[in-house]
Amino acid sequence: QNGEASATRLADETGLDKNEVQRAIGWLA
């Protein structure tokens, strides 16, 4: 919906903590 983002922005915008974001990035990658 929003295009590219940094891990920090992903955490801020989705409400996930940084560990959850990193795990999810790994999953998607």
mmCIF file of all heavy atoms, coordinates in Angstrom:
data_MODEL
# 
_entry.id   MODEL 
# 
loop_
_atom_site.group_PDB 
_atom_site.id 
_atom_site.type_symbol 
_atom_site.label_atom_id 
_atom_site.label_alt_id 
_atom_site.label_comp_id 
_atom_site.label_asym_id 
_atom_site.label_entity_id 
_atom_site.label_seq_id 
_atom_site.pdbx_PDB_ins_code 
_atom_site.Cartn_x 
_atom_site.Cartn_y 
_atom_site.Cartn_z 
_atom_site.occupancy 
_atom_site.B_iso_or_equiv 
_atom_site.pdbx_formal_charge 
_atom_site.auth_seq_id 
_atom_site.auth_comp_id 
_atom_site.auth_asym_id 
_atom_site.auth_atom_id 
_atom_site.pdbx_PDB_model_num 
ATOM 1   N N   . GLN A 1 1  ? 0.809  -1.227  0.000  1.00 0.00 ? 1  GLN A N   1 
ATOM 2   C CA  . GLN A 1 1  ? 0.000  0.000   0.000  1.00 0.00 ? 1  GLN A CA  1 
ATOM 3   C C   . GLN A 1 1  ? 0.840  1.274   0.000  1.00 0.00 ? 1  GLN A C   1 
ATOM 4   O O   . GLN A 1 1  ? 0.369  2.313   -0.463 1.00 0.00 ? 1  GLN A O   1 
ATOM 5   C CB  . GLN A 1 1  ? -0.929 0.003   1.210  1.00 0.00 ? 1  GLN A CB  1 
ATOM 6   C CG  . GLN A 1 1  ? -1.986 -1.065  1.147  1.00 0.00 ? 1  GLN A CG  1 
ATOM 7   C CD  . GLN A 1 1  ? -2.843 -1.130  2.403  1.00 0.00 ? 1  GLN A CD  1 
ATOM 8   O OE1 . GLN A 1 1  ? -2.511 -0.562  3.441  1.00 0.00 ? 1  GLN A OE1 1 
ATOM 9   N NE2 . GLN A 1 1  ? -3.947 -1.849  2.309  1.00 0.00 ? 1  GLN A NE2 1 
ATOM 10  N N   . ASN A 1 2  ? 2.084  1.193   0.526  1.00 0.00 ? 2  ASN A N   1 
ATOM 11  C CA  . ASN A 1 2  ? 2.859  2.418   0.748  1.00 0.00 ? 2  ASN A CA  1 
ATOM 12  C C   . ASN A 1 2  ? 4.204  2.468   0.044  1.00 0.00 ? 2  ASN A C   1 
ATOM 13  O O   . ASN A 1 2  ? 4.885  3.486   0.103  1.00 0.00 ? 2  ASN A O   1 
ATOM 14  C CB  . ASN A 1 2  ? 3.090  2.605   2.248  1.00 0.00 ? 2  ASN A CB  1 
ATOM 15  C CG  . ASN A 1 2  ? 1.789  2.754   2.993  1.00 0.00 ? 2  ASN A CG  1 
ATOM 16  O OD1 . ASN A 1 2  ? 1.165  3.801   2.941  1.00 0.00 ? 2  ASN A OD1 1 
ATOM 17  N ND2 . ASN A 1 2  ? 1.360  1.698   3.653  1.00 0.00 ? 2  ASN A ND2 1 
ATOM 18  N N   . GLY A 1 3  ? 4.616  1.391   -0.574 1.00 0.00 ? 3  GLY A N   1 
ATOM 19  C CA  . GLY A 1 3  ? 5.929  1.380   -1.209 1.00 0.00 ? 3  GLY A CA  1 
ATOM 20  C C   . GLY A 1 3  ? 7.026  1.109   -0.198 1.00 0.00 ? 3  GLY A C   1 
ATOM 21  O O   . GLY A 1 3  ? 6.762  0.685   0.923  1.00 0.00 ? 3  GLY A O   1 
ATOM 22  N N   . GLU A 1 4  ? 8.248  1.363   -0.599 1.00 0.00 ? 4  GLU A N   1 
ATOM 23  C CA  . GLU A 1 4  ? 9.399  0.982   0.222  1.00 0.00 ? 4  GLU A CA  1 
ATOM 24  C C   . GLU A 1 4  ? 9.426  1.690   1.570  1.00 0.00 ? 4  GLU A C   1 
ATOM 25  O O   . GLU A 1 4  ? 8.847  2.766   1.733  1.00 0.00 ? 4  GLU A O   1 
ATOM 26  C CB  . GLU A 1 4  ? 10.701 1.238   -0.526 1.00 0.00 ? 4  GLU A CB  1 
ATOM 27  C CG  . GLU A 1 4  ? 11.075 2.685   -0.638 1.00 0.00 ? 4  GLU A CG  1 
ATOM 28  C CD  . GLU A 1 4  ? 12.433 2.874   -1.298 1.00 0.00 ? 4  GLU A CD  1 
ATOM 29  O OE1 . GLU A 1 4  ? 12.943 1.969   -1.961 1.00 0.00 ? 4  GLU A OE1 1 
ATOM 30  O OE2 . GLU A 1 4  ? 12.981 3.968   -1.133 1.00 0.00 ? 4  GLU A OE2 1 
ATOM 31  N N   . ALA A 1 5  ? 10.124 1.044   2.509  1.00 0.00 ? 5  ALA A N   1 
ATOM 32  C CA  . ALA A 1 5  ? 10.241 1.597   3.861  1.00 0.00 ? 5  ALA A CA  1 
ATOM 33  C C   . ALA A 1 5  ? 11.447 0.983   4.551  1.00 0.00 ? 5  ALA A C   1 
ATOM 34  O O   . ALA A 1 5  ? 11.891 -0.116  4.207  1.00 0.00 ? 5  ALA A O   1 
ATOM 35  C CB  . ALA A 1 5  ? 8.986  1.313   4.664  1.00 0.00 ? 5  ALA A CB  1 
ATOM 36  N N   . SER A 1 6  ? 11.963 1.697   5.522  1.00 0.00 ? 6  SER A N   1 
ATOM 37  C CA  . SER A 1 6  ? 13.033 1.174   6.375  1.00 0.00 ? 6  SER A CA  1 
ATOM 38  C C   . SER A 1 6  ? 12.423 0.260   7.434  1.00 0.00 ? 6  SER A C   1 
ATOM 39  O O   . SER A 1 6  ? 11.207 0.297   7.680  1.00 0.00 ? 6  SER A O   1 
ATOM 40  C CB  . SER A 1 6  ? 13.764 2.329   7.060  1.00 0.00 ? 6  SER A CB  1 
ATOM 41  O OG  . SER A 1 6  ? 12.887 2.976   7.984  1.00 0.00 ? 6  SER A OG  1 
ATOM 42  N N   . ALA A 1 7  ? 13.260 -0.522  8.077  1.00 0.00 ? 7  ALA A N   1 
ATOM 43  C CA  . ALA A 1 7  ? 12.784 -1.390  9.160  1.00 0.00 ? 7  ALA A CA  1 
ATOM 44  C C   . ALA A 1 7  ? 12.187 -0.560  10.291 1.00 0.00 ? 7  ALA A C   1 
ATOM 45  O O   . ALA A 1 7  ? 11.169 -0.943  10.882 1.00 0.00 ? 7  ALA A O   1 
ATOM 46  C CB  . ALA A 1 7  ? 13.918 -2.271  9.671  1.00 0.00 ? 7  ALA A CB  1 
ATOM 47  N N   . THR A 1 8  ? 12.777 0.588   10.567 1.00 0.00 ? 8  THR A N   1 
ATOM 48  C CA  . THR A 1 8  ? 12.254 1.459   11.623 1.00 0.00 ? 8  THR A CA  1 
ATOM 49  C C   . THR A 1 8  ? 10.857 1.955   11.282 1.00 0.00 ? 8  THR A C   1 
ATOM 50  O O   . THR A 1 8  ? 9.949  1.927   12.117 1.00 0.00 ? 8  THR A O   1 
ATOM 51  C CB  . THR A 1 8  ? 13.197 2.656   11.862 1.00 0.00 ? 8  THR A CB  1 
ATOM 52  O OG1 . THR A 1 8  ? 14.474 2.157   12.241 1.00 0.00 ? 8  THR A OG1 1 
ATOM 53  C CG2 . THR A 1 8  ? 12.669 3.592   12.933 1.00 0.00 ? 8  THR A CG2 1 
ATOM 54  N N   . ARG A 1 9  ? 10.674 2.379   10.044 1.00 0.00 ? 9  ARG A N   1 
ATOM 55  C CA  . ARG A 1 9  ? 9.343  2.847   9.632  1.00 0.00 ? 9  ARG A CA  1 
ATOM 56  C C   . ARG A 1 9  ? 8.344  1.696   9.661  1.00 0.00 ? 9  ARG A C   1 
ATOM 57  O O   . ARG A 1 9  ? 7.184  1.882   10.068 1.00 0.00 ? 9  ARG A O   1 
ATOM 58  C CB  . ARG A 1 9  ? 9.398  3.459   8.235  1.00 0.00 ? 9  ARG A CB  1 
ATOM 59  C CG  . ARG A 1 9  ? 8.042  3.970   7.812  1.00 0.00 ? 9  ARG A CG  1 
ATOM 60  C CD  . ARG A 1 9  ? 8.072  4.788   6.560  1.00 0.00 ? 9  ARG A CD  1 
ATOM 61  N NE  . ARG A 1 9  ? 6.711  5.182   6.202  1.00 0.00 ? 9  ARG A NE  1 
ATOM 62  C CZ  . ARG A 1 9  ? 6.282  5.286   4.963  1.00 0.00 ? 9  ARG A CZ  1 
ATOM 63  N NH1 . ARG A 1 9  ? 7.098  5.053   3.951  1.00 0.00 ? 9  ARG A NH1 1 
ATOM 64  N NH2 . ARG A 1 9  ? 5.043  5.626   4.728  1.00 0.00 ? 9  ARG A NH2 1 
ATOM 65  N N   . LEU A 1 10 ? 8.770  0.510   9.232  1.00 0.00 ? 10 LEU A N   1 
ATOM 66  C CA  . LEU A 1 10 ? 7.875  -0.646  9.275  1.00 0.00 ? 10 LEU A CA  1 
ATOM 67  C C   . LEU A 1 10 ? 7.412  -0.917  10.695 1.00 0.00 ? 10 LEU A C   1 
ATOM 68  O O   . LEU A 1 10 ? 6.230  -1.188  10.929 1.00 0.00 ? 10 LEU A O   1 
ATOM 69  C CB  . LEU A 1 10 ? 8.563  -1.873  8.690  1.00 0.00 ? 10 LEU A CB  1 
ATOM 70  C CG  . LEU A 1 10 ? 8.775  -1.855  7.181  1.00 0.00 ? 10 LEU A CG  1 
ATOM 71  C CD1 . LEU A 1 10 ? 9.677  -3.006  6.760  1.00 0.00 ? 10 LEU A CD1 1 
ATOM 72  C CD2 . LEU A 1 10 ? 7.444  -1.911  6.453  1.00 0.00 ? 10 LEU A CD2 1 
ATOM 73  N N   . ALA A 1 11 ? 8.331  -0.831  11.648 1.00 0.00 ? 11 ALA A N   1 
ATOM 74  C CA  . ALA A 1 11 ? 7.963  -1.043  13.051 1.00 0.00 ? 11 ALA A CA  1 
ATOM 75  C C   . ALA A 1 11 ? 6.995  0.043   13.521 1.00 0.00 ? 11 ALA A C   1 
ATOM 76  O O   . ALA A 1 11 ? 5.964  -0.257  14.130 1.00 0.00 ? 11 ALA A O   1 
ATOM 77  C CB  . ALA A 1 11 ? 9.211  -1.073  13.929 1.00 0.00 ? 11 ALA A CB  1 
ATOM 78  N N   . ASP A 1 12 ? 7.313  1.282   13.215 1.00 0.00 ? 12 ASP A N   1 
ATOM 79  C CA  . ASP A 1 12 ? 6.469  2.400   13.657 1.00 0.00 ? 12 ASP A CA  1 
ATOM 80  C C   . ASP A 1 12 ? 5.070  2.325   13.059 1.00 0.00 ? 12 ASP A C   1 
ATOM 81  O O   . ASP A 1 12 ? 4.074  2.552   13.750 1.00 0.00 ? 12 ASP A O   1 
ATOM 82  C CB  . ASP A 1 12 ? 7.106  3.744   13.266 1.00 0.00 ? 12 ASP A CB  1 
ATOM 83  C CG  . ASP A 1 12 ? 8.368  4.057   14.053 1.00 0.00 ? 12 ASP A CG  1 
ATOM 84  O OD1 . ASP A 1 12 ? 8.615  3.395   15.088 1.00 0.00 ? 12 ASP A OD1 1 
ATOM 85  O OD2 . ASP A 1 12 ? 9.116  4.962   13.618 1.00 0.00 ? 12 ASP A OD2 1 
ATOM 86  N N   . GLU A 1 13 ? 4.989  2.023   11.781 1.00 0.00 ? 13 GLU A N   1 
ATOM 87  C CA  . GLU A 1 13 ? 3.710  2.074   11.069 1.00 0.00 ? 13 GLU A CA  1 
ATOM 88  C C   . GLU A 1 13 ? 2.837  0.835   11.290 1.00 0.00 ? 13 GLU A C   1 
ATOM 89  O O   . GLU A 1 13 ? 1.616  0.923   11.190 1.00 0.00 ? 13 GLU A O   1 
ATOM 90  C CB  . GLU A 1 13 ? 3.950  2.267   9.567  1.00 0.00 ? 13 GLU A CB  1 
ATOM 91  C CG  . GLU A 1 13 ? 4.642  3.561   9.210  1.00 0.00 ? 13 GLU A CG  1 
ATOM 92  C CD  . GLU A 1 13 ? 3.751  4.780   9.341  1.00 0.00 ? 13 GLU A CD  1 
ATOM 93  O OE1 . GLU A 1 13 ? 2.506  4.642   9.281  1.00 0.00 ? 13 GLU A OE1 1 
ATOM 94  O OE2 . GLU A 1 13 ? 4.290  5.885   9.495  1.00 0.00 ? 13 GLU A OE2 1 
ATOM 95  N N   . THR A 1 14 ? 3.457  -0.314  11.556 1.00 0.00 ? 14 THR A N   1 
ATOM 96  C CA  . THR A 1 14 ? 2.677  -1.544  11.718 1.00 0.00 ? 14 THR A CA  1 
ATOM 97  C C   . THR A 1 14 ? 2.385  -1.880  13.173 1.00 0.00 ? 14 THR A C   1 
ATOM 98  O O   . THR A 1 14 ? 1.552  -2.740  13.445 1.00 0.00 ? 14 THR A O   1 
ATOM 99  C CB  . THR A 1 14 ? 3.398  -2.747  11.090 1.00 0.00 ? 14 THR A CB  1 
ATOM 100 O OG1 . THR A 1 14 ? 4.649  -2.944  11.766 1.00 0.00 ? 14 THR A OG1 1 
ATOM 101 C CG2 . THR A 1 14 ? 3.610  -2.562  9.600  1.00 0.00 ? 14 THR A CG2 1 
ATOM 102 N N   . GLY A 1 15 ? 3.102  -1.237  14.104 1.00 0.00 ? 15 GLY A N   1 
ATOM 103 C CA  . GLY A 1 15 ? 2.919  -1.549  15.515 1.00 0.00 ? 15 GLY A CA  1 
ATOM 104 C C   . GLY A 1 15 ? 3.675  -2.795  15.956 1.00 0.00 ? 15 GLY A C   1 
ATOM 105 O O   . GLY A 1 15 ? 3.531  -3.237  17.093 1.00 0.00 ? 15 GLY A O   1 
ATOM 106 N N   . LEU A 1 16 ? 4.489  -3.362  15.058 1.00 0.00 ? 16 LEU A N   1 
ATOM 107 C CA  . LEU A 1 16 ? 5.309  -4.521  15.414 1.00 0.00 ? 16 LEU A CA  1 
ATOM 108 C C   . LEU A 1 16 ? 6.574  -4.046  16.106 1.00 0.00 ? 16 LEU A C   1 
ATOM 109 O O   . LEU A 1 16 ? 7.049  -2.939  15.846 1.00 0.00 ? 16 LEU A O   1 
ATOM 110 C CB  . LEU A 1 16 ? 5.693  -5.297  14.151 1.00 0.00 ? 16 LEU A CB  1 
ATOM 111 C CG  . LEU A 1 16 ? 4.533  -5.870  13.335 1.00 0.00 ? 16 LEU A CG  1 
ATOM 112 C CD1 . LEU A 1 16 ? 5.026  -6.355  11.982 1.00 0.00 ? 16 LEU A CD1 1 
ATOM 113 C CD2 . LEU A 1 16 ? 3.864  -7.002  14.098 1.00 0.00 ? 16 LEU A CD2 1 
ATOM 114 N N   . ASP A 1 17 ? 7.127  -4.879  16.991 1.00 0.00 ? 17 ASP A N   1 
ATOM 115 C CA  . ASP A 1 17 ? 8.411  -4.485  17.572 1.00 0.00 ? 17 ASP A CA  1 
ATOM 116 C C   . ASP A 1 17 ? 9.531  -4.837  16.598 1.00 0.00 ? 17 ASP A C   1 
ATOM 117 O O   . ASP A 1 17 ? 9.320  -5.530  15.596 1.00 0.00 ? 17 ASP A O   1 
ATOM 118 C CB  . ASP A 1 17 ? 8.619  -5.078  18.968 1.00 0.00 ? 17 ASP A CB  1 
ATOM 119 C CG  . ASP A 1 17 ? 8.847  -6.568  18.999 1.00 0.00 ? 17 ASP A CG  1 
ATOM 120 O OD1 . ASP A 1 17 ? 9.476  -7.115  18.077 1.00 0.00 ? 17 ASP A OD1 1 
ATOM 121 O OD2 . ASP A 1 17 ? 8.407  -7.205  19.974 1.00 0.00 ? 17 ASP A OD2 1 
ATOM 122 N N   . LYS A 1 18 ? 10.720 -4.314  16.867 1.00 0.00 ? 18 LYS A N   1 
ATOM 123 C CA  . LYS A 1 18 ? 11.830 -4.475  15.924 1.00 0.00 ? 18 LYS A CA  1 
ATOM 124 C C   . LYS A 1 18 ? 12.196 -5.932  15.686 1.00 0.00 ? 18 LYS A C   1 
ATOM 125 O O   . LYS A 1 18 ? 12.549 -6.309  14.570 1.00 0.00 ? 18 LYS A O   1 
ATOM 126 C CB  . LYS A 1 18 ? 13.046 -3.672  16.391 1.00 0.00 ? 18 LYS A CB  1 
ATOM 127 C CG  . LYS A 1 18 ? 12.789 -2.193  16.258 1.00 0.00 ? 18 LYS A CG  1 
ATOM 128 C CD  . LYS A 1 18 ? 13.990 -1.359  16.571 1.00 0.00 ? 18 LYS A CD  1 
ATOM 129 C CE  . LYS A 1 18 ? 13.586 0.090   16.513 1.00 0.00 ? 18 LYS A CE  1 
ATOM 130 N NZ  . LYS A 1 18 ? 14.557 0.942   15.919 1.00 0.00 ? 18 LYS A NZ  1 
ATOM 131 N N   . ASN A 1 19 ? 12.099 -6.771  16.703 1.00 0.00 ? 19 ASN A N   1 
ATOM 132 C CA  . ASN A 1 19 ? 12.385 -8.193  16.513 1.00 0.00 ? 19 ASN A CA  1 
ATOM 133 C C   . ASN A 1 19 ? 11.366 -8.842  15.586 1.00 0.00 ? 19 ASN A C   1 
ATOM 134 O O   . ASN A 1 19 ? 11.729 -9.649  14.723 1.00 0.00 ? 19 ASN A O   1 
ATOM 135 C CB  . ASN A 1 19 ? 12.414 -8.936  17.851 1.00 0.00 ? 19 ASN A CB  1 
ATOM 136 C CG  . ASN A 1 19 ? 13.642 -8.605  18.659 1.00 0.00 ? 19 ASN A CG  1 
ATOM 137 O OD1 . ASN A 1 19 ? 14.689 -8.283  18.120 1.00 0.00 ? 19 ASN A OD1 1 
ATOM 138 N ND2 . ASN A 1 19 ? 13.505 -8.661  19.972 1.00 0.00 ? 19 ASN A ND2 1 
ATOM 139 N N   . GLU A 1 20 ? 10.109 -8.502  15.763 1.00 0.00 ? 20 GLU A N   1 
ATOM 140 C CA  . GLU A 1 20 ? 9.067  -9.044  14.886 1.00 0.00 ? 20 GLU A CA  1 
ATOM 141 C C   . GLU A 1 20 ? 9.288  -8.601  13.444 1.00 0.00 ? 20 GLU A C   1 
ATOM 142 O O   . GLU A 1 20 ? 9.119  -9.390  12.511 1.00 0.00 ? 20 GLU A O   1 
ATOM 143 C CB  . GLU A 1 20 ? 7.683  -8.597  15.357 1.00 0.00 ? 20 GLU A CB  1 
ATOM 144 C CG  . GLU A 1 20 ? 7.245  -9.211  16.665 1.00 0.00 ? 20 GLU A CG  1 
ATOM 145 C CD  . GLU A 1 20 ? 5.992  -8.575  17.225 1.00 0.00 ? 20 GLU A CD  1 
ATOM 146 O OE1 . GLU A 1 20 ? 5.861  -7.331  17.183 1.00 0.00 ? 20 GLU A OE1 1 
ATOM 147 O OE2 . GLU A 1 20 ? 5.134  -9.328  17.711 1.00 0.00 ? 20 GLU A OE2 1 
ATOM 148 N N   . VAL A 1 21 ? 9.671  -7.345  13.266 1.00 0.00 ? 21 VAL A N   1 
ATOM 149 C CA  . VAL A 1 21 ? 9.942  -6.832  11.923 1.00 0.00 ? 21 VAL A CA  1 
ATOM 150 C C   . VAL A 1 21 ? 11.100 -7.592  11.289 1.00 0.00 ? 21 VAL A C   1 
ATOM 151 O O   . VAL A 1 21 ? 11.008 -8.013  10.132 1.00 0.00 ? 21 VAL A O   1 
ATOM 152 C CB  . VAL A 1 21 ? 10.226 -5.310  11.950 1.00 0.00 ? 21 VAL A CB  1 
ATOM 153 C CG1 . VAL A 1 21 ? 10.778 -4.823  10.622 1.00 0.00 ? 21 VAL A CG1 1 
ATOM 154 C CG2 . VAL A 1 21 ? 8.958  -4.543  12.323 1.00 0.00 ? 21 VAL A CG2 1 
ATOM 155 N N   . GLN A 1 22 ? 12.179 -7.790  12.035 1.00 0.00 ? 22 GLN A N   1 
ATOM 156 C CA  . GLN A 1 22 ? 13.339 -8.492  11.479 1.00 0.00 ? 22 GLN A CA  1 
ATOM 157 C C   . GLN A 1 22 ? 12.991 -9.934  11.113 1.00 0.00 ? 22 GLN A C   1 
ATOM 158 O O   . GLN A 1 22 ? 13.411 -10.432 10.060 1.00 0.00 ? 22 GLN A O   1 
ATOM 159 C CB  . GLN A 1 22 ? 14.517 -8.445  12.456 1.00 0.00 ? 22 GLN A CB  1 
ATOM 160 C CG  . GLN A 1 22 ? 15.103 -7.063  12.638 1.00 0.00 ? 22 GLN A CG  1 
ATOM 161 C CD  . GLN A 1 22 ? 15.599 -6.451  11.337 1.00 0.00 ? 22 GLN A CD  1 
ATOM 162 O OE1 . GLN A 1 22 ? 16.113 -7.129  10.458 1.00 0.00 ? 22 GLN A OE1 1 
ATOM 163 N NE2 . GLN A 1 22 ? 15.424 -5.144  11.196 1.00 0.00 ? 22 GLN A NE2 1 
ATOM 164 N N   . ARG A 1 23 ? 12.239 -10.614 11.952 1.00 0.00 ? 23 ARG A N   1 
ATOM 165 C CA  . ARG A 1 23 ? 11.829 -11.986 11.635 1.00 0.00 ? 23 ARG A CA  1 
ATOM 166 C C   . ARG A 1 23 ? 10.959 -12.013 10.388 1.00 0.00 ? 23 ARG A C   1 
ATOM 167 O O   . ARG A 1 23 ? 11.106 -12.869 9.513  1.00 0.00 ? 23 ARG A O   1 
ATOM 168 C CB  . ARG A 1 23 ? 11.073 -12.598 12.810 1.00 0.00 ? 23 ARG A CB  1 
ATOM 169 C CG  . ARG A 1 23 ? 11.955 -12.912 13.984 1.00 0.00 ? 23 ARG A CG  1 
ATOM 170 C CD  . ARG A 1 23 ? 11.141 -13.564 15.107 1.00 0.00 ? 23 ARG A CD  1 
ATOM 171 N NE  . ARG A 1 23 ? 11.920 -13.620 16.316 1.00 0.00 ? 23 ARG A NE  1 
ATOM 172 C CZ  . ARG A 1 23 ? 11.653 -12.953 17.426 1.00 0.00 ? 23 ARG A CZ  1 
ATOM 173 N NH1 . ARG A 1 23 ? 10.580 -12.185 17.496 1.00 0.00 ? 23 ARG A NH1 1 
ATOM 174 N NH2 . ARG A 1 23 ? 12.433 -13.058 18.479 1.00 0.00 ? 23 ARG A NH2 1 
ATOM 175 N N   . ALA A 1 24 ? 10.027 -11.066 10.296 1.00 0.00 ? 24 ALA A N   1 
ATOM 176 C CA  . ALA A 1 24 ? 9.126  -11.009 9.144  1.00 0.00 ? 24 ALA A CA  1 
ATOM 177 C C   . ALA A 1 24 ? 9.884  -10.676 7.863  1.00 0.00 ? 24 ALA A C   1 
ATOM 178 O O   . ALA A 1 24 ? 9.588  -11.238 6.803  1.00 0.00 ? 24 ALA A O   1 
ATOM 179 C CB  . ALA A 1 24 ? 8.022  -9.981  9.407  1.00 0.00 ? 24 ALA A CB  1 
ATOM 180 N N   . ILE A 1 25 ? 10.856 -9.787  7.955  1.00 0.00 ? 25 ILE A N   1 
ATOM 181 C CA  . ILE A 1 25 ? 11.686 -9.465  6.797  1.00 0.00 ? 25 ILE A CA  1 
ATOM 182 C C   . ILE A 1 25 ? 12.412 -10.724 6.322  1.00 0.00 ? 25 ILE A C   1 
ATOM 183 O O   . ILE A 1 25 ? 12.459 -11.012 5.127  1.00 0.00 ? 25 ILE A O   1 
ATOM 184 C CB  . ILE A 1 25 ? 12.681 -8.330  7.139  1.00 0.00 ? 25 ILE A CB  1 
ATOM 185 C CG1 . ILE A 1 25 ? 11.938 -6.997  7.205  1.00 0.00 ? 25 ILE A CG1 1 
ATOM 186 C CG2 . ILE A 1 25 ? 13.820 -8.268  6.121  1.00 0.00 ? 25 ILE A CG2 1 
ATOM 187 C CD1 . ILE A 1 25 ? 12.755 -5.853  7.769  1.00 0.00 ? 25 ILE A CD1 1 
ATOM 188 N N   . GLY A 1 26 ? 12.947 -11.481 7.250  1.00 0.00 ? 26 GLY A N   1 
ATOM 189 C CA  . GLY A 1 26 ? 13.608 -12.732 6.896  1.00 0.00 ? 26 GLY A CA  1 
ATOM 190 C C   . GLY A 1 26 ? 12.665 -13.703 6.213  1.00 0.00 ? 26 GLY A C   1 
ATOM 191 O O   . GLY A 1 26 ? 13.014 -14.347 5.222  1.00 0.00 ? 26 GLY A O   1 
ATOM 192 N N   . TRP A 1 27 ? 11.460 -13.824 6.740  1.00 0.00 ? 27 TRP A N   1 
ATOM 193 C CA  . TRP A 1 27 ? 10.431 -14.716 6.177  1.00 0.00 ? 27 TRP A CA  1 
ATOM 194 C C   . TRP A 1 27 ? 10.135 -14.311 4.729  1.00 0.00 ? 27 TRP A C   1 
ATOM 195 O O   . TRP A 1 27 ? 10.143 -15.137 3.821  1.00 0.00 ? 27 TRP A O   1 
ATOM 196 C CB  . TRP A 1 27 ? 9.187  -14.611 7.041  1.00 0.00 ? 27 TRP A CB  1 
ATOM 197 C CG  . TRP A 1 27 ? 7.988  -15.391 6.609  1.00 0.00 ? 27 TRP A CG  1 
ATOM 198 C CD1 . TRP A 1 27 ? 7.277  -15.234 5.459  1.00 0.00 ? 27 TRP A CD1 1 
ATOM 199 C CD2 . TRP A 1 27 ? 7.344  -16.433 7.347  1.00 0.00 ? 27 TRP A CD2 1 
ATOM 200 N NE1 . TRP A 1 27 ? 6.214  -16.105 5.448  1.00 0.00 ? 27 TRP A NE1 1 
ATOM 201 C CE2 . TRP A 1 27 ? 6.233  -16.845 6.587  1.00 0.00 ? 27 TRP A CE2 1 
ATOM 202 C CE3 . TRP A 1 27 ? 7.568  -17.017 8.577  1.00 0.00 ? 27 TRP A CE3 1 
ATOM 203 C CZ2 . TRP A 1 27 ? 5.366  -17.848 7.034  1.00 0.00 ? 27 TRP A CZ2 1 
ATOM 204 C CZ3 . TRP A 1 27 ? 6.694  -18.003 9.006  1.00 0.00 ? 27 TRP A CZ3 1 
ATOM 205 C CH2 . TRP A 1 27 ? 5.621  -18.414 8.243  1.00 0.00 ? 27 TRP A CH2 1 
ATOM 206 N N   . LEU A 1 28 ? 9.857  -13.012 4.527  1.00 0.00 ? 28 LEU A N   1 
ATOM 207 C CA  . LEU A 1 28 ? 9.518  -12.530 3.191  1.00 0.00 ? 28 LEU A CA  1 
ATOM 208 C C   . LEU A 1 28 ? 10.697 -12.649 2.230  1.00 0.00 ? 28 LEU A C   1 
ATOM 209 O O   . LEU A 1 28 ? 10.517 -13.004 1.060  1.00 0.00 ? 28 LEU A O   1 
ATOM 210 C CB  . LEU A 1 28 ? 9.034  -11.079 3.266  1.00 0.00 ? 28 LEU A CB  1 
ATOM 211 C CG  . LEU A 1 28 ? 7.690  -10.874 3.954  1.00 0.00 ? 28 LEU A CG  1 
ATOM 212 C CD1 . LEU A 1 28 ? 7.454  -9.396  4.243  1.00 0.00 ? 28 LEU A CD1 1 
ATOM 213 C CD2 . LEU A 1 28 ? 6.557  -11.449 3.126  1.00 0.00 ? 28 LEU A CD2 1 
ATOM 214 N N   . ALA A 1 29 ? 11.891 -12.378 2.726  1.00 0.00 ? 29 ALA A N   1 
ATOM 215 C CA  . ALA A 1 29 ? 13.085 -12.486 1.877  1.00 0.00 ? 29 ALA A CA  1 
ATOM 216 C C   . ALA A 1 29 ? 13.311 -13.932 1.452  1.00 0.00 ? 29 ALA A C   1 
ATOM 217 O O   . ALA A 1 29 ? 13.632 -14.202 0.291  1.00 0.00 ? 29 ALA A O   1 
ATOM 218 C CB  . ALA A 1 29 ? 14.304 -11.942 2.611  1.00 0.00 ? 29 ALA A CB  1 
# 
